[in-house]
Amino acid sequence: YVLVNFWATWCAPCRKELPALDALNRDFGGDDFE
């Protein structure tokens, strides 16, 4: 399973959610999810 996130450096909402996406990837990322 893959969560694809389209974003940009100039996009404030994108910047805001990056740490949450990173935490989700750290906790669930691996052979089954990224």
Full PDB file with SEQRES, HELIX, SHEET, SSBOND, CRYST1, ORIGX, SCALE, CONECT and MASTER records, all heavy atoms in Angstrom:
SEQRES   1 A   34  TYR VAL LEU VAL ASN PHE TRP ALA THR TRP CYS ALA PRO          
SEQRES   2 A   34  CYS ARG LYS GLU LEU PRO ALA LEU ASP ALA LEU ASN ARG          
SEQRES   3 A   34  ASP PHE GLY GLY ASP ASP PHE GLU                              
HELIX    1 AA1 ALA A   12  PHE A   28  1                                  17    
SSBOND   1 CYS A   11    CYS A   14                          1555   1555  2.32  
CRYST1    1.000    1.000    1.000  90.00  90.00  90.00 P 1           1          
ORIGX1      1.000000  0.000000  0.000000        0.00000                         
ORIGX2      0.000000  1.000000  0.000000        0.00000                         
ORIGX3      0.000000  0.000000  1.000000        0.00000                         
SCALE1      1.000000  0.000000  0.000000        0.00000                         
SCALE2      0.000000  1.000000  0.000000        0.00000                         
SCALE3      0.000000  0.000000  1.000000        0.00000                         
ATOM      1  N   TYR A   1       0.869  -1.176   0.000  1.00  0.00           N  
ATOM      2  CA  TYR A   1       0.000   0.000   0.000  1.00  0.00           C  
ATOM      3  C   TYR A   1       0.902   1.221   0.000  1.00  0.00           C  
ATOM      4  O   TYR A   1       1.936   1.251   0.674  1.00  0.00           O  
ATOM      5  CB  TYR A   1      -0.900   0.023   1.240  1.00  0.00           C  
ATOM      6  CG  TYR A   1      -2.062  -0.928   1.134  1.00  0.00           C  
ATOM      7  CD1 TYR A   1      -1.985  -2.211   1.677  1.00  0.00           C  
ATOM      8  CD2 TYR A   1      -3.222  -0.555   0.470  1.00  0.00           C  
ATOM      9  CE1 TYR A   1      -3.048  -3.089   1.564  1.00  0.00           C  
ATOM     10  CE2 TYR A   1      -4.284  -1.434   0.356  1.00  0.00           C  
ATOM     11  CZ  TYR A   1      -4.192  -2.687   0.907  1.00  0.00           C  
ATOM     12  OH  TYR A   1      -5.238  -3.559   0.789  1.00  0.00           O  
ATOM     13  N   VAL A   2       0.511   2.241  -0.768  1.00  0.00           N  
ATOM     14  CA  VAL A   2       1.316   3.450  -0.892  1.00  0.00           C  
ATOM     15  C   VAL A   2       0.421   4.672  -0.715  1.00  0.00           C  
ATOM     16  O   VAL A   2      -0.650   4.748  -1.313  1.00  0.00           O  
ATOM     17  CB  VAL A   2       2.013   3.513  -2.277  1.00  0.00           C  
ATOM     18  CG1 VAL A   2       2.864   4.773  -2.394  1.00  0.00           C  
ATOM     19  CG2 VAL A   2       2.854   2.281  -2.519  1.00  0.00           C  
ATOM     20  N   LEU A   3       0.861   5.579   0.133  1.00  0.00           N  
ATOM     21  CA  LEU A   3       0.209   6.875   0.260  1.00  0.00           C  
ATOM     22  C   LEU A   3       1.076   7.858  -0.522  1.00  0.00           C  
ATOM     23  O   LEU A   3       2.187   8.184  -0.107  1.00  0.00           O  
ATOM     24  CB  LEU A   3       0.115   7.285   1.732  1.00  0.00           C  
ATOM     25  CG  LEU A   3      -0.360   8.708   2.024  1.00  0.00           C  
ATOM     26  CD1 LEU A   3      -1.727   8.974   1.417  1.00  0.00           C  
ATOM     27  CD2 LEU A   3      -0.379   8.963   3.509  1.00  0.00           C  
ATOM     28  N   VAL A   4       0.594   8.263  -1.694  1.00  0.00           N  
ATOM     29  CA  VAL A   4       1.316   9.216  -2.547  1.00  0.00           C  
ATOM     30  C   VAL A   4       0.810  10.607  -2.200  1.00  0.00           C  
ATOM     31  O   VAL A   4      -0.391  10.862  -2.237  1.00  0.00           O  
ATOM     32  CB  VAL A   4       1.068   8.929  -4.048  1.00  0.00           C  
ATOM     33  CG1 VAL A   4       1.841   9.916  -4.916  1.00  0.00           C  
ATOM     34  CG2 VAL A   4       1.433   7.495  -4.397  1.00  0.00           C  
ATOM     35  N   ASN A   5       1.737  11.492  -1.856  1.00  0.00           N  
ATOM     36  CA  ASN A   5       1.379  12.849  -1.490  1.00  0.00           C  
ATOM     37  C   ASN A   5       2.027  13.822  -2.464  1.00  0.00           C  
ATOM     38  O   ASN A   5       3.248  13.846  -2.598  1.00  0.00           O  
ATOM     39  CB  ASN A   5       1.837  13.141  -0.052  1.00  0.00           C  
ATOM     40  CG  ASN A   5       1.491  14.535   0.387  1.00  0.00           C  
ATOM     41  OD1 ASN A   5       2.325  15.430   0.302  1.00  0.00           O  
ATOM     42  ND2 ASN A   5       0.280  14.728   0.854  1.00  0.00           N  
ATOM     43  N   PHE A   6       1.193  14.586  -3.172  1.00  0.00           N  
ATOM     44  CA  PHE A   6       1.660  15.629  -4.086  1.00  0.00           C  
ATOM     45  C   PHE A   6       1.706  16.930  -3.293  1.00  0.00           C  
ATOM     46  O   PHE A   6       0.702  17.324  -2.686  1.00  0.00           O  
ATOM     47  CB  PHE A   6       0.709  15.764  -5.274  1.00  0.00           C  
ATOM     48  CG  PHE A   6       0.714  14.555  -6.175  1.00  0.00           C  
ATOM     49  CD1 PHE A   6      -0.205  13.538  -5.998  1.00  0.00           C  
ATOM     50  CD2 PHE A   6       1.645  14.437  -7.195  1.00  0.00           C  
ATOM     51  CE1 PHE A   6      -0.215  12.421  -6.815  1.00  0.00           C  
ATOM     52  CE2 PHE A   6       1.652  13.320  -8.027  1.00  0.00           C  
ATOM     53  CZ  PHE A   6       0.718  12.310  -7.835  1.00  0.00           C  
ATOM     54  N   TRP A   7       2.851  17.599  -3.330  1.00  0.00           N  
ATOM     55  CA  TRP A   7       3.040  18.785  -2.502  1.00  0.00           C  
ATOM     56  C   TRP A   7       4.023  19.743  -3.174  1.00  0.00           C  
ATOM     57  O   TRP A   7       4.587  19.435  -4.221  1.00  0.00           O  
ATOM     58  CB  TRP A   7       3.547  18.359  -1.121  1.00  0.00           C  
ATOM     59  CG  TRP A   7       4.981  17.877  -1.143  1.00  0.00           C  
ATOM     60  CD1 TRP A   7       5.445  16.677  -1.617  1.00  0.00           C  
ATOM     61  CD2 TRP A   7       6.118  18.611  -0.712  1.00  0.00           C  
ATOM     62  NE1 TRP A   7       6.808  16.625  -1.495  1.00  0.00           N  
ATOM     63  CE2 TRP A   7       7.245  17.788  -0.938  1.00  0.00           C  
ATOM     64  CE3 TRP A   7       6.296  19.874  -0.159  1.00  0.00           C  
ATOM     65  CZ2 TRP A   7       8.535  18.205  -0.630  1.00  0.00           C  
ATOM     66  CZ3 TRP A   7       7.582  20.283   0.160  1.00  0.00           C  
ATOM     67  CH2 TRP A   7       8.683  19.442  -0.077  1.00  0.00           C  
ATOM     68  N   ALA A   8       4.248  20.905  -2.547  1.00  0.00           N  
ATOM     69  CA  ALA A   8       5.239  21.874  -3.027  1.00  0.00           C  
ATOM     70  C   ALA A   8       5.772  22.666  -1.838  1.00  0.00           C  
ATOM     71  O   ALA A   8       5.077  22.842  -0.833  1.00  0.00           O  
ATOM     72  CB  ALA A   8       4.622  22.825  -4.049  1.00  0.00           C  
ATOM     73  N   THR A   9       6.989  23.159  -1.970  1.00  0.00           N  
ATOM     74  CA  THR A   9       7.619  23.900  -0.875  1.00  0.00           C  
ATOM     75  C   THR A   9       6.878  25.193  -0.550  1.00  0.00           C  
ATOM     76  O   THR A   9       6.899  25.645   0.592  1.00  0.00           O  
ATOM     77  CB  THR A   9       9.086  24.242  -1.215  1.00  0.00           C  
ATOM     78  OG1 THR A   9       9.120  24.939  -2.467  1.00  0.00           O  
ATOM     79  CG2 THR A   9       9.942  22.985  -1.304  1.00  0.00           C  
ATOM     80  N   TRP A  10       6.237  25.811  -1.534  1.00  0.00           N  
ATOM     81  CA  TRP A  10       5.548  27.078  -1.329  1.00  0.00           C  
ATOM     82  C   TRP A  10       4.142  26.909  -0.744  1.00  0.00           C  
ATOM     83  O   TRP A  10       3.483  27.882  -0.399  1.00  0.00           O  
ATOM     84  CB  TRP A  10       5.453  27.851  -2.644  1.00  0.00           C  
ATOM     85  CG  TRP A  10       4.906  27.023  -3.773  1.00  0.00           C  
ATOM     86  CD1 TRP A  10       5.630  26.366  -4.724  1.00  0.00           C  
ATOM     87  CD2 TRP A  10       3.531  26.732  -4.044  1.00  0.00           C  
ATOM     88  NE1 TRP A  10       4.792  25.683  -5.578  1.00  0.00           N  
ATOM     89  CE2 TRP A  10       3.487  25.891  -5.172  1.00  0.00           C  
ATOM     90  CE3 TRP A  10       2.326  27.080  -3.445  1.00  0.00           C  
ATOM     91  CZ2 TRP A  10       2.303  25.407  -5.710  1.00  0.00           C  
ATOM     92  CZ3 TRP A  10       1.145  26.602  -3.988  1.00  0.00           C  
ATOM     93  CH2 TRP A  10       1.144  25.779  -5.103  1.00  0.00           C  
ATOM     94  N   CYS A  11       3.674  25.675  -0.623  1.00  0.00           N  
ATOM     95  CA  CYS A  11       2.312  25.375  -0.183  1.00  0.00           C  
ATOM     96  C   CYS A  11       2.263  25.227   1.344  1.00  0.00           C  
ATOM     97  O   CYS A  11       2.783  24.244   1.891  1.00  0.00           O  
ATOM     98  CB  CYS A  11       1.851  24.088  -0.878  1.00  0.00           C  
ATOM     99  SG  CYS A  11       0.362  23.334  -0.212  1.00  0.00           S  
ATOM    100  N   ALA A  12       1.661  26.202   2.025  1.00  0.00           N  
ATOM    101  CA  ALA A  12       1.621  26.180   3.499  1.00  0.00           C  
ATOM    102  C   ALA A  12       0.934  24.928   4.061  1.00  0.00           C  
ATOM    103  O   ALA A  12       1.466  24.302   4.982  1.00  0.00           O  
ATOM    104  CB  ALA A  12       0.951  27.451   4.020  1.00  0.00           C  
ATOM    105  N   PRO A  13      -0.232  24.502   3.545  1.00  0.00           N  
ATOM    106  CA  PRO A  13      -0.836  23.280   4.074  1.00  0.00           C  
ATOM    107  C   PRO A  13       0.044  22.041   3.843  1.00  0.00           C  
ATOM    108  O   PRO A  13       0.078  21.133   4.679  1.00  0.00           O  
ATOM    109  CB  PRO A  13      -2.155  23.153   3.311  1.00  0.00           C  
ATOM    110  CG  PRO A  13      -2.461  24.525   2.824  1.00  0.00           C  
ATOM    111  CD  PRO A  13      -1.120  25.169   2.587  1.00  0.00           C  
ATOM    112  N   CYS A  14       0.778  22.030   2.733  1.00  0.00           N  
ATOM    113  CA  CYS A  14       1.696  20.916   2.448  1.00  0.00           C  
ATOM    114  C   CYS A  14       2.787  20.862   3.504  1.00  0.00           C  
ATOM    115  O   CYS A  14       3.106  19.796   4.050  1.00  0.00           O  
ATOM    116  CB  CYS A  14       2.350  21.086   1.079  1.00  0.00           C  
ATOM    117  SG  CYS A  14       1.222  21.181  -0.323  1.00  0.00           S  
ATOM    118  N   ARG A  15       3.363  22.010   3.780  1.00  0.00           N  
ATOM    119  CA  ARG A  15       4.446  22.101   4.766  1.00  0.00           C  
ATOM    120  C   ARG A  15       3.945  21.643   6.132  1.00  0.00           C  
ATOM    121  O   ARG A  15       4.661  20.968   6.862  1.00  0.00           O  
ATOM    122  CB  ARG A  15       4.963  23.530   4.841  1.00  0.00           C  
ATOM    123  CG  ARG A  15       5.590  24.014   3.543  1.00  0.00           C  
ATOM    124  CD  ARG A  15       5.831  25.521   3.549  1.00  0.00           C  
ATOM    125  NE  ARG A  15       6.859  25.903   4.479  1.00  0.00           N  
ATOM    126  CZ  ARG A  15       8.117  26.157   4.138  1.00  0.00           C  
ATOM    127  NH1 ARG A  15       8.490  26.063   2.871  1.00  0.00           N  
ATOM    128  NH2 ARG A  15       8.991  26.508   5.038  1.00  0.00           N  
ATOM    129  N   LYS A  16       2.707  22.023   6.447  1.00  0.00           N  
ATOM    130  CA  LYS A  16       2.132  21.679   7.754  1.00  0.00           C  
ATOM    131  C   LYS A  16       1.971  20.169   7.918  1.00  0.00           C  
ATOM    132  O   LYS A  16       2.185  19.637   9.010  1.00  0.00           O  
ATOM    133  CB  LYS A  16       0.772  22.377   7.888  1.00  0.00           C  
ATOM    134  CG  LYS A  16       0.024  22.052   9.142  1.00  0.00           C  
ATOM    135  CD  LYS A  16      -1.333  22.738   9.142  1.00  0.00           C  
ATOM    136  CE  LYS A  16      -2.233  22.089  10.166  1.00  0.00           C  
ATOM    137  NZ  LYS A  16      -3.625  22.407   9.934  1.00  0.00           N  
ATOM    138  N   GLU A  17       1.594  19.446   6.858  1.00  0.00           N  
ATOM    139  CA  GLU A  17       1.321  18.022   7.009  1.00  0.00           C  
ATOM    140  C   GLU A  17       2.541  17.124   6.833  1.00  0.00           C  
ATOM    141  O   GLU A  17       2.486  15.940   7.139  1.00  0.00           O  
ATOM    142  CB  GLU A  17       0.176  17.580   6.098  1.00  0.00           C  
ATOM    143  CG  GLU A  17       0.498  17.415   4.656  1.00  0.00           C  
ATOM    144  CD  GLU A  17      -0.680  16.896   3.836  1.00  0.00           C  
ATOM    145  OE1 GLU A  17      -1.714  16.483   4.386  1.00  0.00           O  
ATOM    146  OE2 GLU A  17      -0.546  16.912   2.603  1.00  0.00           O  
ATOM    147  N   LEU A  18       3.666  17.655   6.363  1.00  0.00           N  
ATOM    148  CA  LEU A  18       4.856  16.828   6.153  1.00  0.00           C  
ATOM    149  C   LEU A  18       5.311  16.080   7.411  1.00  0.00           C  
ATOM    150  O   LEU A  18       5.611  14.888   7.336  1.00  0.00           O  
ATOM    151  CB  LEU A  18       6.001  17.661   5.572  1.00  0.00           C  
ATOM    152  CG  LEU A  18       5.921  17.954   4.077  1.00  0.00           C  
ATOM    153  CD1 LEU A  18       6.978  18.985   3.680  1.00  0.00           C  
ATOM    154  CD2 LEU A  18       6.063  16.688   3.254  1.00  0.00           C  
ATOM    155  N   PRO A  19       5.374  16.735   8.586  1.00  0.00           N  
ATOM    156  CA  PRO A  19       5.801  15.980   9.772  1.00  0.00           C  
ATOM    157  C   PRO A  19       4.856  14.816  10.114  1.00  0.00           C  
ATOM    158  O   PRO A  19       5.311  13.755  10.553  1.00  0.00           O  
ATOM    159  CB  PRO A  19       5.811  17.031  10.886  1.00  0.00           C  
ATOM    160  CG  PRO A  19       5.985  18.334  10.180  1.00  0.00           C  
ATOM    161  CD  PRO A  19       5.251  18.171   8.875  1.00  0.00           C  
ATOM    162  N   ALA A  20       3.565  14.994   9.893  1.00  0.00           N  
ATOM    163  CA  ALA A  20       2.606  13.919  10.166  1.00  0.00           C  
ATOM    164  C   ALA A  20       2.782  12.771   9.175  1.00  0.00           C  
ATOM    165  O   ALA A  20       2.713  11.593   9.554  1.00  0.00           O  
ATOM    166  CB  ALA A  20       1.175  14.456  10.115  1.00  0.00           C  
ATOM    167  N   LEU A  21       3.031  13.100   7.911  1.00  0.00           N  
ATOM    168  CA  LEU A  21       3.299  12.060   6.913  1.00  0.00           C  
ATOM    169  C   LEU A  21       4.582  11.307   7.267  1.00  0.00           C  
ATOM    170  O   LEU A  21       4.654  10.079   7.132  1.00  0.00           O  
ATOM    171  CB  LEU A  21       3.415  12.676   5.520  1.00  0.00           C  
ATOM    172  CG  LEU A  21       2.114  13.165   4.897  1.00  0.00           C  
ATOM    173  CD1 LEU A  21       2.392  14.108   3.725  1.00  0.00           C  
ATOM    174  CD2 LEU A  21       1.257  11.997   4.458  1.00  0.00           C  
ATOM    175  N   ASP A  22       5.580  12.047   7.728  1.00  0.00           N  
ATOM    176  CA  ASP A  22       6.844  11.432   8.130  1.00  0.00           C  
ATOM    177  C   ASP A  22       6.633  10.476   9.306  1.00  0.00           C  
ATOM    178  O   ASP A  22       7.148   9.356   9.306  1.00  0.00           O  
ATOM    179  CB  ASP A  22       7.851  12.525   8.492  1.00  0.00           C  
ATOM    180  CG  ASP A  22       9.231  11.988   8.769  1.00  0.00           C  
ATOM    181  OD1 ASP A  22       9.799  11.309   7.889  1.00  0.00           O  
ATOM    182  OD2 ASP A  22       9.760  12.257   9.865  1.00  0.00           O  
ATOM    183  N   ALA A  23       5.868  10.890  10.306  1.00  0.00           N  
ATOM    184  CA  ALA A  23       5.597  10.033  11.460  1.00  0.00           C  
ATOM    185  C   ALA A  23       4.830   8.779  11.039  1.00  0.00           C  
ATOM    186  O   ALA A  23       5.128   7.673  11.507  1.00  0.00           O  
ATOM    187  CB  ALA A  23       4.810  10.808  12.521  1.00  0.00           C  
ATOM    188  N   LEU A  24       3.861   8.943  10.144  1.00  0.00           N  
ATOM    189  CA  LEU A  24       3.095   7.796   9.649  1.00  0.00           C  
ATOM    190  C   LEU A  24       4.020   6.823   8.928  1.00  0.00           C  
ATOM    191  O   LEU A  24       3.943   5.603   9.125  1.00  0.00           O  
ATOM    192  CB  LEU A  24       1.986   8.282   8.718  1.00  0.00           C  
ATOM    193  CG  LEU A  24       0.962   7.243   8.287  1.00  0.00           C  
ATOM    194  CD1 LEU A  24       0.082   6.833   9.462  1.00  0.00           C  
ATOM    195  CD2 LEU A  24       0.099   7.792   7.158  1.00  0.00           C  
ATOM    196  N   ASN A  25       4.925   7.351   8.126  1.00  0.00           N  
ATOM    197  CA  ASN A  25       5.863   6.500   7.394  1.00  0.00           C  
ATOM    198  C   ASN A  25       6.841   5.800   8.345  1.00  0.00           C  
ATOM    199  O   ASN A  25       7.159   4.628   8.166  1.00  0.00           O  
ATOM    200  CB  ASN A  25       6.619   7.313   6.349  1.00  0.00           C  
ATOM    201  CG  ASN A  25       7.338   6.436   5.366  1.00  0.00           C  
ATOM    202  OD1 ASN A  25       6.740   5.561   4.741  1.00  0.00           O  
ATOM    203  ND2 ASN A  25       8.632   6.648   5.231  1.00  0.00           N  
ATOM    204  N   ARG A  26       7.314   6.515   9.351  1.00  0.00           N  
ATOM    205  CA  ARG A  26       8.227   5.901  10.324  1.00  0.00           C  
ATOM    206  C   ARG A  26       7.555   4.747  11.061  1.00  0.00           C  
ATOM    207  O   ARG A  26       8.160   3.717  11.314  1.00  0.00           O  
ATOM    208  CB  ARG A  26       8.721   6.932  11.335  1.00  0.00           C  
ATOM    209  CG  ARG A  26       9.905   7.736  10.874  1.00  0.00           C  
ATOM    210  CD  ARG A  26      10.580   8.495  12.013  1.00  0.00           C  
ATOM    211  NE  ARG A  26       9.668   9.082  12.968  1.00  0.00           N  
ATOM    212  CZ  ARG A  26       9.163  10.311  12.883  1.00  0.00           C  
ATOM    213  NH1 ARG A  26       9.469  11.081  11.864  1.00  0.00           N  
ATOM    214  NH2 ARG A  26       8.355  10.774  13.802  1.00  0.00           N  
ATOM    215  N   ASP A  27       6.283   4.931  11.409  1.00  0.00           N  
ATOM    216  CA  ASP A  27       5.584   3.928  12.217  1.00  0.00           C  
ATOM    217  C   ASP A  27       5.010   2.776  11.406  1.00  0.00           C  
ATOM    218  O   ASP A  27       4.923   1.662  11.904  1.00  0.00           O  
ATOM    219  CB  ASP A  27       4.470   4.590  13.033  1.00  0.00           C  
ATOM    220  CG  ASP A  27       5.018   5.536  14.087  1.00  0.00           C  
ATOM    221  OD1 ASP A  27       6.243   5.485  14.365  1.00  0.00           O  
ATOM    222  OD2 ASP A  27       4.242   6.334  14.623  1.00  0.00           O  
ATOM    223  N   PHE A  28       4.592   3.026  10.166  1.00  0.00           N  
ATOM    224  CA  PHE A  28       3.951   1.985   9.360  1.00  0.00           C  
ATOM    225  C   PHE A  28       4.793   1.553   8.153  1.00  0.00           C  
ATOM    226  O   PHE A  28       4.515   0.519   7.559  1.00  0.00           O  
ATOM    227  CB  PHE A  28       2.581   2.455   8.844  1.00  0.00           C  
ATOM    228  CG  PHE A  28       1.517   2.480   9.889  1.00  0.00           C  
ATOM    229  CD1 PHE A  28       1.269   3.627  10.632  1.00  0.00           C  
ATOM    230  CD2 PHE A  28       0.737   1.363  10.130  1.00  0.00           C  
ATOM    231  CE1 PHE A  28       0.279   3.658  11.598  1.00  0.00           C  
ATOM    232  CE2 PHE A  28      -0.263   1.376  11.089  1.00  0.00           C  
ATOM    233  CZ  PHE A  28      -0.488   2.530  11.827  1.00  0.00           C  
ATOM    234  N   GLY A  29       5.764   2.366   7.766  1.00  0.00           N  
ATOM    235  CA  GLY A  29       6.543   2.089   6.560  1.00  0.00           C  
ATOM    236  C   GLY A  29       7.324   0.787   6.646  1.00  0.00           C  
ATOM    237  O   GLY A  29       7.800   0.415   7.714  1.00  0.00           O  
ATOM    238  N   GLY A  30       7.422   0.119   5.521  1.00  0.00           N  
ATOM    239  CA  GLY A  30       8.136  -1.150   5.468  1.00  0.00           C  
ATOM    240  C   GLY A  30       7.725  -1.940   4.245  1.00  0.00           C  
ATOM    241  O   GLY A  30       7.420  -1.374   3.202  1.00  0.00           O  
ATOM    242  N   ASP A  31       7.674  -3.254   4.398  1.00  0.00           N  
ATOM    243  CA  ASP A  31       7.351  -4.136   3.277  1.00  0.00           C  
ATOM    244  C   ASP A  31       5.917  -3.993   2.779  1.00  0.00           C  
ATOM    245  O   ASP A  31       5.629  -4.291   1.632  1.00  0.00           O  
ATOM    246  CB  ASP A  31       7.589  -5.597   3.660  1.00  0.00           C  
ATOM    247  CG  ASP A  31       9.065  -5.894   3.877  1.00  0.00           C  
ATOM    248  OD1 ASP A  31       9.912  -5.129   3.380  1.00  0.00           O  
ATOM    249  OD2 ASP A  31       9.359  -6.902   4.550  1.00  0.00           O  
ATOM    250  N   ASP A  32       4.997  -3.529   3.653  1.00  0.00           N  
ATOM    251  CA  ASP A  32       3.577  -3.492   3.299  1.00  0.00           C  
ATOM    252  C   ASP A  32       3.017  -2.098   3.052  1.00  0.00           C  
ATOM    253  O   ASP A  32       1.904  -1.954   2.549  1.00  0.00           O  
ATOM    254  CB  ASP A  32       2.754  -4.175   4.404  1.00  0.00           C  
ATOM    255  CG  ASP A  32       3.130  -5.629   4.584  1.00  0.00           C  
ATOM    256  OD1 ASP A  32       3.416  -6.294   3.571  1.00  0.00           O  
ATOM    257  OD2 ASP A  32       3.153  -6.096   5.735  1.00  0.00           O  
ATOM    258  N   PHE A  33       3.756  -1.055   3.427  1.00  0.00           N  
ATOM    259  CA  PHE A  33       3.240   0.308   3.327  1.00  0.00           C  
ATOM    260  C   PHE A  33       4.393   1.289   3.202  1.00  0.00           C  
ATOM    261  O   PHE A  33       5.457   1.089   3.799  1.00  0.00           O  
ATOM    262  CB  PHE A  33       2.414   0.662   4.568  1.00  0.00           C  
ATOM    263  CG  PHE A  33       1.927   2.080   4.598  1.00  0.00           C  
ATOM    264  CD1 PHE A  33       0.842   2.474   3.827  1.00  0.00           C  
ATOM    265  CD2 PHE A  33       2.565   3.030   5.378  1.00  0.00           C  
ATOM    266  CE1 PHE A  33       0.401   3.795   3.834  1.00  0.00           C  
ATOM    267  CE2 PHE A  33       2.129   4.347   5.393  1.00  0.00           C  
ATOM    268  CZ  PHE A  33       1.048   4.728   4.626  1.00  0.00           C  
ATOM    269  N   GLU A  34       4.147   2.370   2.451  1.00  0.00           N  
ATOM    270  CA  GLU A  34       5.139   3.439   2.355  1.00  0.00           C  
ATOM    271  C   GLU A  34       4.456   4.743   1.964  1.00  0.00           C  
ATOM    272  O   GLU A  34       3.499   4.747   1.192  1.00  0.00           O  
ATOM    273  CB  GLU A  34       6.202   3.089   1.317  1.00  0.00           C  
ATOM    274  CG  GLU A  34       7.366   4.044   1.309  1.00  0.00           C  
ATOM    275  CD  GLU A  34       8.539   3.529   0.487  1.00  0.00           C  
ATOM    276  OE1 GLU A  34       8.544   2.359   0.090  1.00  0.00           O  
ATOM    277  OE2 GLU A  34       9.452   4.337   0.246  1.00  0.00           O  
TER     278      GLU A  34                                                      
CONECT   99  117                                                                
CONECT  117   99                                                                
MASTER        0    0    0    1    0    0    0    6  277    1    2    3          
END                                                                             
